[in-house]
Amino acid sequence: NDIHALISTKTIKLGGKKNITKTDELKTKKQIYDVLVETGPTLAAEFLKQGLVDELIVYLAPTLLGSTGRAMFNFSLTQMSQQYRLQLQSLRQVGQDVCFILTPKQA
């Protein structure tokens, strides 16, 4: 039995920040249990702000980009109390990169 034959995937374009709540609608109406979101820093921050993130999969390369590198999340925090706390679930090396599995830390 090939496990991949049992898995069905579909790409759905949401059309930006204003349609972010469609993910919850899709999960309910279409009985979708897992949603993978691959996005840029603005939409990624919006998912976090709205509490729609159950798990983050982050790959870190051994590279320093400097001040011209793009942020992973586009939100401006002015105080340490505004930080998003995460819980490390797993960590593994993938080639020269490191893969972190993170979940939002419960208050």
Protein backbone atom coordinates (compact mmCIF):
# COMPACT_ATOMS: atom_id res chain seq x y z
CA ASN A 1 0.00 0.00 0.00
CA ASP A 2 1.33 3.38 -1.00
CA ILE A 3 0.43 5.94 1.67
CA HIS A 4 0.57 8.75 -0.91
CA ALA A 5 -2.31 7.18 -2.81
CA LEU A 6 -4.48 7.68 0.29
CA ILE A 7 -3.63 11.36 0.70
CA SER A 8 -5.56 13.97 -1.24
CA THR A 9 -4.17 17.48 -1.61
CA LYS A 10 -5.56 20.61 -3.19
CA THR A 11 -4.11 24.08 -3.63
CA ILE A 12 -6.53 26.88 -2.82
CA LYS A 13 -5.54 30.51 -3.35
CA LEU A 14 -7.08 32.80 -0.75
CA GLY A 15 -6.31 36.12 -2.42
CA GLY A 16 -4.60 37.96 0.42
CA LYS A 17 -5.14 39.15 3.95
CA LYS A 18 -8.82 40.05 3.63
CA ASN A 19 -9.72 36.41 2.89
CA ILE A 20 -7.69 34.84 5.70
CA THR A 21 -10.78 33.63 7.54
CA LYS A 22 -11.64 31.41 4.57
CA THR A 23 -9.29 28.79 6.03
CA ASP A 24 -11.70 28.14 8.90
CA GLU A 25 -14.66 28.10 6.50
CA LEU A 26 -12.90 25.58 4.25
CA LYS A 27 -12.08 23.33 7.18
CA THR A 28 -15.73 23.26 8.28
CA LYS A 29 -17.51 23.04 4.91
CA LYS A 30 -15.12 20.67 3.15
CA GLN A 31 -14.07 18.61 6.20
CA ILE A 32 -10.45 19.64 5.78
CA TYR A 33 -8.42 18.76 8.85
CA ASP A 34 -4.97 20.12 7.99
CA VAL A 35 -4.11 23.33 6.18
CA LEU A 36 -0.55 24.08 5.08
CA VAL A 37 0.05 27.78 4.59
CA GLU A 38 3.15 28.85 2.66
CA THR A 39 3.23 32.61 2.54
CA GLY A 40 5.22 35.78 2.83
CA PRO A 41 5.89 37.77 6.01
CA THR A 42 2.73 39.94 5.97
CA LEU A 43 0.21 37.11 5.65
CA ALA A 44 2.24 34.89 8.00
CA ALA A 45 2.03 37.60 10.68
CA GLU A 46 -1.71 37.94 10.12
CA PHE A 47 -2.26 34.21 10.67
CA LEU A 48 -0.35 34.48 13.96
CA LYS A 49 -2.22 37.61 15.07
CA GLN A 50 -5.59 35.95 14.44
CA GLY A 51 -4.64 32.80 16.34
CA LEU A 52 -4.91 30.57 13.26
CA VAL A 53 -1.51 28.88 13.71
CA ASP A 54 -1.36 25.47 15.39
CA GLU A 55 2.17 24.63 14.27
CA LEU A 56 5.10 26.33 12.57
CA ILE A 57 7.67 24.46 10.50
CA VAL A 58 10.72 26.68 10.19
CA TYR A 59 13.88 25.91 8.24
CA LEU A 60 17.02 27.80 9.22
CA ALA A 61 20.03 27.87 6.91
CA PRO A 62 23.54 28.61 8.23
CA THR A 63 23.55 31.98 6.47
CA LEU A 64 23.50 35.60 7.65
CA LEU A 65 21.68 38.02 5.35
CA GLY A 66 22.21 41.33 7.12
CA SER A 67 19.86 44.30 7.19
CA THR A 68 18.62 43.79 3.61
CA GLY A 69 17.29 40.29 4.35
CA ARG A 70 13.51 39.88 4.50
CA ALA A 71 11.76 39.21 7.79
CA MET A 72 9.91 35.95 8.35
CA PHE A 73 6.97 37.81 9.94
CA ASN A 74 5.96 41.38 9.18
CA PHE A 75 4.82 42.86 12.46
CA SER A 76 6.41 45.59 14.48
CA LEU A 77 6.79 44.86 18.16
CA THR A 78 7.81 47.78 20.33
CA GLN A 79 7.88 46.00 23.71
CA MET A 80 9.15 42.61 24.85
CA SER A 81 5.69 41.91 26.32
CA GLN A 82 4.32 41.81 22.74
CA GLN A 83 6.48 38.89 21.67
CA TYR A 84 4.98 35.66 20.34
CA ARG A 85 6.17 32.83 22.56
CA LEU A 86 6.61 29.42 20.95
CA GLN A 87 7.21 25.92 22.28
CA LEU A 88 9.87 23.77 20.60
CA GLN A 89 8.34 20.41 19.64
CA SER A 90 11.19 18.97 17.59
CA LEU A 91 14.47 19.89 16.00
CA ARG A 92 16.35 18.03 13.26
CA GLN A 93 19.12 18.67 10.80
CA VAL A 94 18.23 18.52 7.09
CA GLY A 95 21.47 18.68 5.12
CA GLN A 96 23.13 21.86 6.35
CA ASP A 97 19.80 23.39 7.42
CA VAL A 98 17.93 22.96 10.70
CA CYS A 99 14.19 22.25 10.83
CA PHE A 100 12.25 23.48 13.87
CA ILE A 101 8.71 22.33 14.64
CA LEU A 102 7.15 24.98 16.89
CA THR A 103 3.73 25.47 18.45
CA PRO A 104 2.26 28.59 20.05
CA LYS A 105 3.00 28.60 23.76
CA GLN A 106 -0.12 28.43 25.89
CA ALA A 107 -0.55 31.35 28.29
